[in-house]
Amino acid sequence: MSLPIENRIHTYADYLSWPDNERIEIIDGTPYFQATPSRIHQEKLSELHRQIANFLIGKECKVYPAPFHVVFDLEDEANGWENSKNVCEPDISIICDKSKLDDSGCKGSPDLIIEIISPSTARKDKIEKFNLYERAKVKEYWIVEPQEKIVSVFTLEENQRYGRPDLYTEVDEVKVSIFDGLNIDLASVCA
């Protein structure tokens, strides 16, 4: 098994050839190695996943925590999944179209993605992934900042762009726009 080659555009076909024990994402052909998440990161991820998973019991949509890869299908990647230059492992992905799911992950845009940032991932999550998820038409994108205890929620608007974020703190509940009746209690997430 090989690893990413510097100064080369990589695709999903390359991703599949990399060792399973390496956590690597590809954004616009550029590979990014991922660090092992911190304990605090995992606590936030677990609580968000728990609240969402409990709500989705008996419903069509499914929620997946990382590691779970998503291969994006963008207009310039119409030559098959293996040629996609965008493969990410969002912290949390919600997929409502079961045809996008296979044994290896998701092929196509999730309905909602949540990223829990750390100082080492802030730039990638706030810029590279933000732009990718917007281009891929992810309906709702959350950026969770544990140290600041802030959650930014971006919702895809009619013009297919993210509008200004709705900002929340640990005293708030966040209404998930893609579901009626799902409110995330941030007090338990940010504790």
N, C-alpha and C. Protein backbone atom coordinates (compact mmCIF):
# COMPACT_ATOMS: atom_id res chain seq x y z
N MET A 1 0.84 -1.18 0.00
CA MET A 1 0.00 0.00 0.00
C MET A 1 0.89 1.25 0.00
N SER A 2 0.45 2.21 -0.74
CA SER A 2 1.22 3.45 -0.87
C SER A 2 0.64 4.54 0.02
N LEU A 3 1.32 5.68 0.04
CA LEU A 3 0.83 6.87 0.73
C LEU A 3 0.75 7.99 -0.29
N PRO A 4 0.09 9.11 0.04
CA PRO A 4 0.00 10.22 -0.91
C PRO A 4 1.37 10.69 -1.37
N ILE A 5 1.42 11.09 -2.62
CA ILE A 5 2.65 11.61 -3.22
C ILE A 5 2.54 13.13 -3.24
N GLU A 6 3.58 13.79 -2.74
CA GLU A 6 3.58 15.26 -2.66
C GLU A 6 3.49 15.86 -4.07
N ASN A 7 2.79 16.98 -4.16
CA ASN A 7 2.65 17.75 -5.41
C ASN A 7 1.97 16.96 -6.52
N ARG A 8 1.02 16.13 -6.15
CA ARG A 8 0.25 15.37 -7.13
C ARG A 8 -1.23 15.47 -6.76
N ILE A 9 -2.09 15.57 -7.76
CA ILE A 9 -3.54 15.57 -7.53
C ILE A 9 -3.96 14.12 -7.25
N HIS A 10 -4.69 13.94 -6.14
CA HIS A 10 -5.12 12.61 -5.75
C HIS A 10 -6.63 12.45 -5.92
N THR A 11 -7.06 11.21 -6.07
CA THR A 11 -8.47 10.88 -6.29
C THR A 11 -8.92 9.81 -5.30
N TYR A 12 -10.19 9.48 -5.38
CA TYR A 12 -10.76 8.43 -4.55
C TYR A 12 -10.06 7.09 -4.82
N ALA A 13 -9.68 6.84 -6.07
CA ALA A 13 -8.94 5.60 -6.39
C ALA A 13 -7.65 5.54 -5.58
N ASP A 14 -6.95 6.66 -5.45
CA ASP A 14 -5.73 6.71 -4.62
C ASP A 14 -6.09 6.44 -3.16
N TYR A 15 -7.13 7.09 -2.69
CA TYR A 15 -7.58 6.96 -1.30
C TYR A 15 -7.77 5.49 -0.95
N LEU A 16 -8.40 4.75 -1.85
CA LEU A 16 -8.68 3.34 -1.60
C LEU A 16 -7.41 2.50 -1.53
N SER A 17 -6.30 3.00 -2.07
CA SER A 17 -5.05 2.25 -2.05
C SER A 17 -4.19 2.55 -0.82
N TRP A 18 -4.59 3.55 -0.03
CA TRP A 18 -3.80 3.94 1.13
C TRP A 18 -4.11 3.02 2.31
N PRO A 19 -3.16 2.89 3.25
CA PRO A 19 -3.37 1.99 4.40
C PRO A 19 -4.59 2.40 5.23
N ASP A 20 -5.33 1.40 5.69
CA ASP A 20 -6.53 1.65 6.49
C ASP A 20 -6.23 2.34 7.82
N ASN A 21 -5.03 2.18 8.33
CA ASN A 21 -4.70 2.78 9.62
C ASN A 21 -4.30 4.25 9.51
N GLU A 22 -4.26 4.80 8.31
CA GLU A 22 -3.97 6.22 8.09
C GLU A 22 -5.28 6.96 7.85
N ARG A 23 -5.51 8.03 8.61
CA ARG A 23 -6.70 8.85 8.38
C ARG A 23 -6.30 10.01 7.49
N ILE A 24 -6.76 9.96 6.24
CA ILE A 24 -6.39 10.96 5.23
C ILE A 24 -7.65 11.42 4.52
N GLU A 25 -7.77 12.73 4.31
CA GLU A 25 -8.85 13.29 3.52
C GLU A 25 -8.24 13.90 2.25
N ILE A 26 -9.08 14.05 1.23
CA ILE A 26 -8.65 14.71 -0.01
C ILE A 26 -9.62 15.85 -0.27
N ILE A 27 -9.09 17.06 -0.43
CA ILE A 27 -9.92 18.21 -0.78
C ILE A 27 -9.32 18.83 -2.03
N ASP A 28 -10.11 18.84 -3.09
CA ASP A 28 -9.67 19.35 -4.39
C ASP A 28 -8.34 18.73 -4.81
N GLY A 29 -8.20 17.42 -4.55
CA GLY A 29 -7.03 16.68 -4.98
C GLY A 29 -5.85 16.70 -4.02
N THR A 30 -5.91 17.58 -3.00
CA THR A 30 -4.81 17.70 -2.03
C THR A 30 -5.09 16.81 -0.82
N PRO A 31 -4.14 15.92 -0.48
CA PRO A 31 -4.35 15.06 0.69
C PRO A 31 -4.01 15.79 1.99
N TYR A 32 -4.78 15.50 3.03
CA TYR A 32 -4.58 16.05 4.37
C TYR A 32 -4.57 14.89 5.36
N PHE A 33 -3.46 14.73 6.08
CA PHE A 33 -3.40 13.73 7.13
C PHE A 33 -4.15 14.26 8.34
N GLN A 34 -4.88 13.39 9.02
CA GLN A 34 -5.66 13.79 10.18
C GLN A 34 -5.00 13.27 11.45
N ALA A 35 -4.93 14.13 12.44
CA ALA A 35 -4.39 13.74 13.74
C ALA A 35 -5.43 12.92 14.50
N THR A 36 -4.97 12.18 15.47
CA THR A 36 -5.88 11.45 16.35
C THR A 36 -6.67 12.47 17.16
N PRO A 37 -8.00 12.33 17.22
CA PRO A 37 -8.81 13.30 17.96
C PRO A 37 -8.51 13.29 19.46
N SER A 38 -8.68 14.44 20.09
CA SER A 38 -8.47 14.56 21.53
C SER A 38 -9.65 13.96 22.29
N ARG A 39 -9.47 13.75 23.56
CA ARG A 39 -10.54 13.25 24.42
C ARG A 39 -11.74 14.20 24.40
N ILE A 40 -11.48 15.50 24.49
CA ILE A 40 -12.57 16.49 24.50
C ILE A 40 -13.33 16.46 23.17
N HIS A 41 -12.60 16.36 22.07
CA HIS A 41 -13.22 16.25 20.76
C HIS A 41 -14.17 15.05 20.74
N GLN A 42 -13.71 13.91 21.25
CA GLN A 42 -14.52 12.69 21.23
C GLN A 42 -15.73 12.80 22.15
N GLU A 43 -15.59 13.50 23.26
CA GLU A 43 -16.75 13.71 24.14
C GLU A 43 -17.83 14.52 23.43
N LYS A 44 -17.42 15.58 22.74
CA LYS A 44 -18.39 16.42 22.02
C LYS A 44 -19.05 15.62 20.90
N LEU A 45 -18.24 14.86 20.17
CA LEU A 45 -18.76 14.04 19.08
C LEU A 45 -19.75 13.02 19.62
N SER A 46 -19.40 12.35 20.71
CA SER A 46 -20.28 11.33 21.28
C SER A 46 -21.62 11.91 21.71
N GLU A 47 -21.61 13.08 22.34
CA GLU A 47 -22.86 13.68 22.81
C GLU A 47 -23.73 14.13 21.65
N LEU A 48 -23.13 14.76 20.64
CA LEU A 48 -23.91 15.16 19.46
C LEU A 48 -24.50 13.93 18.77
N HIS A 49 -23.67 12.92 18.58
CA HIS A 49 -24.13 11.69 17.92
C HIS A 49 -25.27 11.06 18.72
N ARG A 50 -25.15 11.01 20.05
CA ARG A 50 -26.18 10.41 20.89
C ARG A 50 -27.52 11.11 20.72
N GLN A 51 -27.51 12.44 20.78
CA GLN A 51 -28.76 13.19 20.65
C GLN A 51 -29.40 12.97 19.28
N ILE A 52 -28.59 13.02 18.24
CA ILE A 52 -29.13 12.86 16.88
C ILE A 52 -29.60 11.43 16.66
N ALA A 53 -28.79 10.45 17.06
CA ALA A 53 -29.15 9.04 16.85
C ALA A 53 -30.45 8.69 17.59
N ASN A 54 -30.61 9.20 18.81
CA ASN A 54 -31.85 8.93 19.55
C ASN A 54 -33.06 9.48 18.80
N PHE A 55 -32.94 10.68 18.23
CA PHE A 55 -34.05 11.28 17.48
C PHE A 55 -34.37 10.46 16.23
N LEU A 56 -33.34 9.91 15.59
CA LEU A 56 -33.53 9.22 14.30
C LEU A 56 -34.00 7.77 14.42
N ILE A 57 -34.15 7.26 15.63
CA ILE A 57 -34.64 5.88 15.78
C ILE A 57 -35.98 5.74 15.07
N GLY A 58 -36.06 4.77 14.17
CA GLY A 58 -37.30 4.51 13.43
C GLY A 58 -37.54 5.43 12.24
N LYS A 59 -36.59 6.33 11.95
CA LYS A 59 -36.73 7.25 10.82
C LYS A 59 -35.83 6.80 9.66
N GLU A 60 -36.06 7.37 8.49
CA GLU A 60 -35.31 6.98 7.29
C GLU A 60 -33.86 7.44 7.30
N CYS A 61 -33.60 8.59 7.87
CA CYS A 61 -32.24 9.15 7.84
C CYS A 61 -31.33 8.39 8.81
N LYS A 62 -30.04 8.38 8.49
CA LYS A 62 -29.04 7.71 9.32
C LYS A 62 -27.94 8.71 9.69
N VAL A 63 -27.36 8.53 10.88
CA VAL A 63 -26.27 9.38 11.33
C VAL A 63 -25.03 8.51 11.51
N TYR A 64 -23.88 9.03 11.05
CA TYR A 64 -22.62 8.29 11.12
C TYR A 64 -21.53 9.18 11.70
N PRO A 65 -20.87 8.71 12.76
CA PRO A 65 -19.70 9.45 13.29
C PRO A 65 -18.44 9.01 12.55
N ALA A 66 -17.41 9.83 12.60
CA ALA A 66 -16.11 9.47 12.02
C ALA A 66 -15.53 8.31 12.84
N PRO A 67 -14.75 7.44 12.22
CA PRO A 67 -14.35 7.49 10.82
C PRO A 67 -15.42 6.90 9.91
N PHE A 68 -15.84 7.69 8.96
CA PHE A 68 -16.85 7.32 7.97
C PHE A 68 -16.61 8.23 6.77
N HIS A 69 -16.23 7.65 5.63
CA HIS A 69 -15.84 8.56 4.55
C HIS A 69 -17.00 8.89 3.61
N VAL A 70 -16.91 10.12 3.10
CA VAL A 70 -17.88 10.66 2.16
C VAL A 70 -17.12 11.05 0.89
N VAL A 71 -17.58 10.51 -0.24
CA VAL A 71 -17.00 10.86 -1.54
C VAL A 71 -17.97 11.82 -2.20
N PHE A 72 -17.47 13.00 -2.56
CA PHE A 72 -18.34 14.02 -3.13
C PHE A 72 -18.38 13.92 -4.64
N ASP A 73 -19.56 14.14 -5.18
CA ASP A 73 -19.81 14.09 -6.62
C ASP A 73 -20.06 15.52 -7.09
N LEU A 74 -19.02 16.15 -7.62
CA LEU A 74 -19.14 17.52 -8.12
C LEU A 74 -19.17 17.51 -9.64
N GLU A 75 -19.64 18.60 -10.22
CA GLU A 75 -19.81 18.67 -11.67
C GLU A 75 -18.53 18.30 -12.43
N ASP A 76 -17.38 18.71 -11.91
CA ASP A 76 -16.12 18.45 -12.63
C ASP A 76 -15.60 17.03 -12.40
N GLU A 77 -16.39 16.21 -11.68
CA GLU A 77 -15.97 14.84 -11.39
C GLU A 77 -16.99 13.86 -11.96
N ALA A 78 -17.45 14.12 -13.16
CA ALA A 78 -18.51 13.31 -13.76
C ALA A 78 -17.99 12.03 -14.39
N ASN A 79 -16.74 11.71 -14.21
CA ASN A 79 -16.15 10.54 -14.85
C ASN A 79 -16.11 9.32 -13.94
N GLY A 80 -16.96 9.23 -12.96
CA GLY A 80 -17.00 8.09 -12.06
C GLY A 80 -16.43 8.42 -10.70
N TRP A 81 -16.90 7.67 -9.69
CA TRP A 81 -16.50 7.93 -8.31
C TRP A 81 -15.00 7.83 -8.10
N GLU A 82 -14.37 6.89 -8.77
CA GLU A 82 -12.92 6.72 -8.57
C GLU A 82 -12.12 7.95 -8.94
N ASN A 83 -12.70 8.84 -9.73
CA ASN A 83 -12.02 10.06 -10.16
C ASN A 83 -12.32 11.27 -9.27
N SER A 84 -13.16 11.09 -8.26
CA SER A 84 -13.49 12.20 -7.38
C SER A 84 -12.23 12.69 -6.67
N LYS A 85 -12.07 13.99 -6.62
CA LYS A 85 -10.91 14.61 -5.95
C LYS A 85 -11.28 15.13 -4.56
N ASN A 86 -12.41 14.64 -4.03
CA ASN A 86 -12.88 15.11 -2.73
C ASN A 86 -13.44 13.95 -1.91
N VAL A 87 -12.68 13.57 -0.88
CA VAL A 87 -13.07 12.50 0.03
C VAL A 87 -12.80 13.01 1.45
N CYS A 88 -13.84 13.10 2.26
CA CYS A 88 -13.68 13.61 3.62
C CYS A 88 -14.21 12.61 4.63
N GLU A 89 -13.79 12.78 5.87
CA GLU A 89 -14.32 12.04 7.02
C GLU A 89 -14.89 13.05 8.00
N PRO A 90 -16.10 13.56 7.71
CA PRO A 90 -16.70 14.52 8.64
C PRO A 90 -16.86 13.89 10.02
N ASP A 91 -16.85 14.72 11.05
CA ASP A 91 -17.04 14.19 12.40
C ASP A 91 -18.41 13.53 12.52
N ILE A 92 -19.44 14.16 11.96
CA ILE A 92 -20.78 13.57 11.94
C ILE A 92 -21.40 13.85 10.57
N SER A 93 -21.99 12.82 9.99
CA SER A 93 -22.70 12.93 8.70
C SER A 93 -24.11 12.38 8.88
N ILE A 94 -25.10 13.11 8.37
CA ILE A 94 -26.48 12.61 8.34
C ILE A 94 -26.87 12.46 6.88
N ILE A 95 -27.31 11.25 6.53
CA ILE A 95 -27.69 10.94 5.15
C ILE A 95 -29.13 10.45 5.15
N CYS A 96 -29.96 11.08 4.33
CA CYS A 96 -31.37 10.70 4.25
C CYS A 96 -31.70 9.92 2.98
N ASP A 97 -30.82 9.94 2.00
CA ASP A 97 -31.01 9.19 0.76
C ASP A 97 -30.17 7.92 0.84
N LYS A 98 -30.82 6.79 1.13
CA LYS A 98 -30.11 5.52 1.34
C LYS A 98 -29.36 5.05 0.10
N SER A 99 -29.73 5.54 -1.09
CA SER A 99 -29.03 5.12 -2.30
C SER A 99 -27.60 5.65 -2.34
N LYS A 100 -27.28 6.62 -1.49
CA LYS A 100 -25.92 7.16 -1.42
C LYS A 100 -25.00 6.29 -0.57
N LEU A 101 -25.57 5.35 0.18
CA LEU A 101 -24.80 4.54 1.12
C LEU A 101 -24.38 3.22 0.49
N ASP A 102 -23.13 2.83 0.77
CA ASP A 102 -22.67 1.49 0.44
C ASP A 102 -21.83 0.98 1.59
N ASP A 103 -21.24 -0.19 1.45
CA ASP A 103 -20.50 -0.77 2.57
C ASP A 103 -19.28 0.04 2.97
N SER A 104 -18.77 0.89 2.08
CA SER A 104 -17.57 1.65 2.41
C SER A 104 -17.86 3.05 2.93
N GLY A 105 -19.07 3.57 2.76
CA GLY A 105 -19.38 4.92 3.23
C GLY A 105 -20.51 5.54 2.44
N CYS A 106 -20.32 6.81 2.10
CA CYS A 106 -21.35 7.59 1.39
C CYS A 106 -20.76 8.12 0.10
N LYS A 107 -21.51 7.96 -0.97
CA LYS A 107 -21.12 8.53 -2.27
C LYS A 107 -22.19 9.56 -2.64
N GLY A 108 -21.84 10.83 -2.43
CA GLY A 108 -22.77 11.93 -2.63
C GLY A 108 -22.82 12.77 -1.37
N SER A 109 -23.50 13.87 -1.44
CA SER A 109 -23.51 14.82 -0.32
C SER A 109 -24.45 14.40 0.79
N PRO A 110 -23.96 14.39 2.03
CA PRO A 110 -24.87 14.21 3.17
C PRO A 110 -25.83 15.41 3.26
N ASP A 111 -26.90 15.23 4.01
CA ASP A 111 -27.85 16.32 4.23
C ASP A 111 -27.33 17.30 5.27
N LEU A 112 -26.58 16.78 6.25
CA LEU A 112 -26.02 17.61 7.30
C LEU A 112 -24.64 17.08 7.67
N ILE A 113 -23.69 17.99 7.86
CA ILE A 113 -22.34 17.64 8.30
C ILE A 113 -22.00 18.51 9.50
N ILE A 114 -21.38 17.86 10.50
CA ILE A 114 -20.88 18.58 11.68
C ILE A 114 -19.38 18.33 11.77
N GLU A 115 -18.62 19.40 11.92
CA GLU A 115 -17.17 19.32 12.16
C GLU A 115 -16.89 19.94 13.51
N ILE A 116 -16.11 19.25 14.33
CA ILE A 116 -15.68 19.74 15.63
C ILE A 116 -14.22 20.14 15.46
N ILE A 117 -13.95 21.43 15.58
CA ILE A 117 -12.62 21.90 15.23
C ILE A 117 -11.68 21.93 16.44
N SER A 118 -10.41 21.85 16.09
CA SER A 118 -9.33 22.04 17.05
C SER A 118 -8.42 23.10 16.44
N PRO A 119 -7.48 23.64 17.19
CA PRO A 119 -6.59 24.64 16.60
C PRO A 119 -5.89 24.14 15.33
N SER A 120 -5.59 22.85 15.27
CA SER A 120 -4.88 22.32 14.09
C SER A 120 -5.79 22.12 12.88
N THR A 121 -7.12 22.07 13.08
CA THR A 121 -8.03 21.85 11.95
C THR A 121 -8.87 23.06 11.60
N ALA A 122 -8.75 24.15 12.36
CA ALA A 122 -9.64 25.30 12.18
C ALA A 122 -9.62 25.84 10.76
N ARG A 123 -8.45 26.05 10.19
CA ARG A 123 -8.35 26.60 8.84
C ARG A 123 -9.03 25.68 7.82
N LYS A 124 -8.73 24.41 7.90
CA LYS A 124 -9.30 23.45 6.94
C LYS A 124 -10.82 23.40 7.08
N ASP A 125 -11.33 23.35 8.32
CA ASP A 125 -12.78 23.24 8.52
C ASP A 125 -13.52 24.52 8.15
N LYS A 126 -12.91 25.68 8.44
CA LYS A 126 -13.59 26.95 8.21
C LYS A 126 -13.44 27.48 6.78
N ILE A 127 -12.44 27.00 6.06
CA ILE A 127 -12.24 27.50 4.70
C ILE A 127 -12.38 26.39 3.67
N GLU A 128 -11.43 25.43 3.66
CA GLU A 128 -11.45 24.40 2.62
C GLU A 128 -12.73 23.56 2.67
N LYS A 129 -13.08 23.05 3.85
CA LYS A 129 -14.28 22.23 3.94
C LYS A 129 -15.55 23.06 3.77
N PHE A 130 -15.57 24.25 4.31
CA PHE A 130 -16.73 25.13 4.11
C PHE A 130 -17.00 25.29 2.62
N ASN A 131 -15.97 25.63 1.84
CA ASN A 131 -16.14 25.82 0.40
C ASN A 131 -16.55 24.54 -0.30
N LEU A 132 -15.95 23.41 0.09
CA LEU A 132 -16.31 22.12 -0.51
C LEU A 132 -17.76 21.78 -0.21
N TYR A 133 -18.17 21.87 1.04
CA TYR A 133 -19.53 21.50 1.41
C TYR A 133 -20.56 22.41 0.76
N GLU A 134 -20.22 23.67 0.60
CA GLU A 134 -21.13 24.59 -0.09
C GLU A 134 -21.26 24.19 -1.57
N ARG A 135 -20.12 23.95 -2.23
CA ARG A 135 -20.16 23.53 -3.64
C ARG A 135 -20.91 22.21 -3.82
N ALA A 136 -20.78 21.32 -2.84
CA ALA A 136 -21.43 20.01 -2.90
C ALA A 136 -22.90 20.06 -2.47
N LYS A 137 -23.37 21.24 -2.09
CA LYS A 137 -24.77 21.47 -1.71
C LYS A 137 -25.21 20.67 -0.48
N VAL A 138 -24.32 20.59 0.52
CA VAL A 138 -24.70 20.03 1.83
C VAL A 138 -25.69 21.02 2.44
N LYS A 139 -26.87 20.56 2.78
CA LYS A 139 -27.95 21.47 3.20
C LYS A 139 -27.63 22.25 4.47
N GLU A 140 -26.94 21.60 5.40
CA GLU A 140 -26.64 22.25 6.67
C GLU A 140 -25.24 21.84 7.12
N TYR A 141 -24.44 22.82 7.53
CA TYR A 141 -23.06 22.58 7.97
C TYR A 141 -22.84 23.26 9.31
N TRP A 142 -22.42 22.47 10.30
CA TRP A 142 -22.15 23.00 11.64
C TRP A 142 -20.65 23.00 11.89
N ILE A 143 -20.17 24.08 12.46
CA ILE A 143 -18.80 24.15 12.95
C ILE A 143 -18.88 24.31 14.46
N VAL A 144 -18.40 23.31 15.18
CA VAL A 144 -18.42 23.31 16.64
C VAL A 144 -17.03 23.68 17.13
N GLU A 145 -16.96 24.72 17.95
CA GLU A 145 -15.69 25.18 18.51
C GLU A 145 -15.71 24.94 20.03
N PRO A 146 -15.19 23.79 20.48
CA PRO A 146 -15.28 23.43 21.89
C PRO A 146 -14.61 24.40 22.84
N GLN A 147 -13.46 24.94 22.47
CA GLN A 147 -12.75 25.83 23.38
C GLN A 147 -13.52 27.14 23.60
N GLU A 148 -14.14 27.65 22.54
CA GLU A 148 -14.90 28.89 22.63
C GLU A 148 -16.35 28.65 23.04
N LYS A 149 -16.79 27.39 22.99
CA LYS A 149 -18.17 27.00 23.29
C LYS A 149 -19.15 27.73 22.38
N ILE A 150 -18.81 27.71 21.08
CA ILE A 150 -19.64 28.34 20.04
C ILE A 150 -19.94 27.32 18.95
N VAL A 151 -21.17 27.33 18.48
CA VAL A 151 -21.56 26.51 17.33
C VAL A 151 -22.07 27.45 16.25
N SER A 152 -21.49 27.35 15.06
CA SER A 152 -21.93 28.13 13.90
C SER A 152 -22.70 27.18 12.98
N VAL A 153 -23.92 27.56 12.62
CA VAL A 153 -24.75 26.73 11.76
C VAL A 153 -24.98 27.48 10.44
N PHE A 154 -24.52 26.86 9.36
CA PHE A 154 -24.68 27.40 8.02
C PHE A 154 -25.75 26.59 7.30
N THR A 155 -26.72 27.29 6.70
CA THR A 155 -27.81 26.63 5.99
C THR A 155 -27.77 27.06 4.53
N LEU A 156 -27.88 26.08 3.63
CA LEU A 156 -27.88 26.37 2.20
C LEU A 156 -29.14 27.14 1.84
N GLU A 157 -28.96 28.28 1.18
CA GLU A 157 -30.09 29.13 0.81
C GLU A 157 -30.54 28.82 -0.62
N GLU A 158 -31.58 29.49 -1.06
CA GLU A 158 -32.13 29.26 -2.41
C GLU A 158 -31.10 29.48 -3.50
N ASN A 159 -30.15 30.39 -3.27
CA ASN A 159 -29.12 30.66 -4.29
C ASN A 159 -27.99 29.63 -4.25
N GLN A 160 -28.19 28.54 -3.47
CA GLN A 160 -27.22 27.44 -3.34
C GLN A 160 -25.91 27.88 -2.69
N ARG A 161 -25.99 28.90 -1.86
CA ARG A 161 -24.83 29.39 -1.08
C ARG A 161 -25.22 29.36 0.39
N TYR A 162 -24.21 29.27 1.24
CA TYR A 162 -24.48 29.38 2.68
C TYR A 162 -24.67 30.84 3.03
N GLY A 163 -25.69 31.11 3.82
CA GLY A 163 -25.93 32.46 4.29
C GLY A 163 -25.08 32.73 5.53
N ARG A 164 -25.36 33.84 6.16
CA ARG A 164 -24.67 34.17 7.42
C ARG A 164 -24.99 33.08 8.42
N PRO A 165 -24.03 32.72 9.26
CA PRO A 165 -24.29 31.63 10.20
C PRO A 165 -25.20 32.07 11.34
N ASP A 166 -25.96 31.11 11.84
CA ASP A 166 -26.65 31.29 13.11
C ASP A 166 -25.65 30.85 14.16
N LEU A 167 -25.43 31.69 15.18
CA LEU A 167 -24.44 31.41 16.21
C LEU A 167 -25.12 31.03 17.51
N TYR A 168 -24.58 30.00 18.16
CA TYR A 168 -25.14 29.50 19.40
C TYR A 168 -24.03 29.30 20.43
N THR A 169 -24.42 29.39 21.71
CA THR A 169 -23.47 29.13 22.81
C THR A 169 -24.02 28.00 23.67
N GLU A 170 -23.30 27.69 24.74
CA GLU A 170 -23.67 26.55 25.58
C GLU A 170 -25.02 26.69 26.27
N VAL A 171 -25.62 27.87 26.29
CA VAL A 171 -26.93 28.03 26.93
C VAL A 171 -28.08 27.84 25.95
N ASP A 172 -27.77 27.56 24.69
CA ASP A 172 -28.80 27.49 23.65
C ASP A 172 -29.16 26.06 23.27
N GLU A 173 -30.30 25.96 22.60
CA GLU A 173 -30.68 24.75 21.88
C GLU A 173 -30.64 25.11 20.40
N VAL A 174 -30.15 24.19 19.60
CA VAL A 174 -30.08 24.42 18.15
C VAL A 174 -31.17 23.60 17.48
N LYS A 175 -32.02 24.27 16.73
CA LYS A 175 -33.04 23.58 15.94
C LYS A 175 -32.37 23.12 14.65
N VAL A 176 -32.43 21.83 14.40
CA VAL A 176 -31.87 21.27 13.18
C VAL A 176 -32.88 21.53 12.06
N SER A 177 -32.48 22.33 11.07
CA SER A 177 -33.44 22.79 10.06
C SER A 177 -33.94 21.69 9.14
N ILE A 178 -33.20 20.61 8.99
CA ILE A 178 -33.63 19.56 8.06
C ILE A 178 -34.64 18.60 8.69
N PHE A 179 -34.91 18.74 10.01
CA PHE A 179 -35.87 17.88 10.70
C PHE A 179 -36.84 18.72 11.52
N ASP A 180 -38.09 18.32 11.54
CA ASP A 180 -39.05 18.93 12.46
C ASP A 180 -38.91 18.23 13.80
N GLY A 181 -38.70 19.01 14.85
CA GLY A 181 -38.70 18.45 16.18
C GLY A 181 -37.35 18.08 16.76
N LEU A 182 -36.27 18.26 16.03
CA LEU A 182 -34.95 17.93 16.59
C LEU A 182 -34.26 19.20 17.03
N ASN A 183 -34.08 19.32 18.33
CA ASN A 183 -33.34 20.42 18.93
C ASN A 183 -32.17 19.83 19.70
N ILE A 184 -30.97 20.33 19.46
CA ILE A 184 -29.78 19.84 20.13
C ILE A 184 -29.51 20.71 21.34
N ASP A 185 -29.44 20.10 22.52
CA ASP A 185 -29.16 20.79 23.77
C ASP A 185 -27.66 21.01 23.87
N LEU A 186 -27.21 22.23 23.69
CA LEU A 186 -25.79 22.53 23.72
C LEU A 186 -25.20 22.52 25.13
N ALA A 187 -26.03 22.64 26.15
CA ALA A 187 -25.50 22.61 27.52
C ALA A 187 -24.77 21.30 27.76
N SER A 188 -25.34 20.18 27.28
CA SER A 188 -24.68 18.89 27.49
C SER A 188 -23.54 18.68 26.51
N VAL A 189 -23.58 19.31 25.35
CA VAL A 189 -22.48 19.21 24.38
C VAL A 189 -21.27 20.02 24.87
N CYS A 190 -21.52 21.20 25.37
CA CYS A 190 -20.44 22.12 25.74
C CYS A 190 -19.95 21.93 27.18
N ALA A 191 -20.60 21.06 27.94
CA ALA A 191 -20.21 20.87 29.35
C ALA A 191 -18.78 20.39 29.49
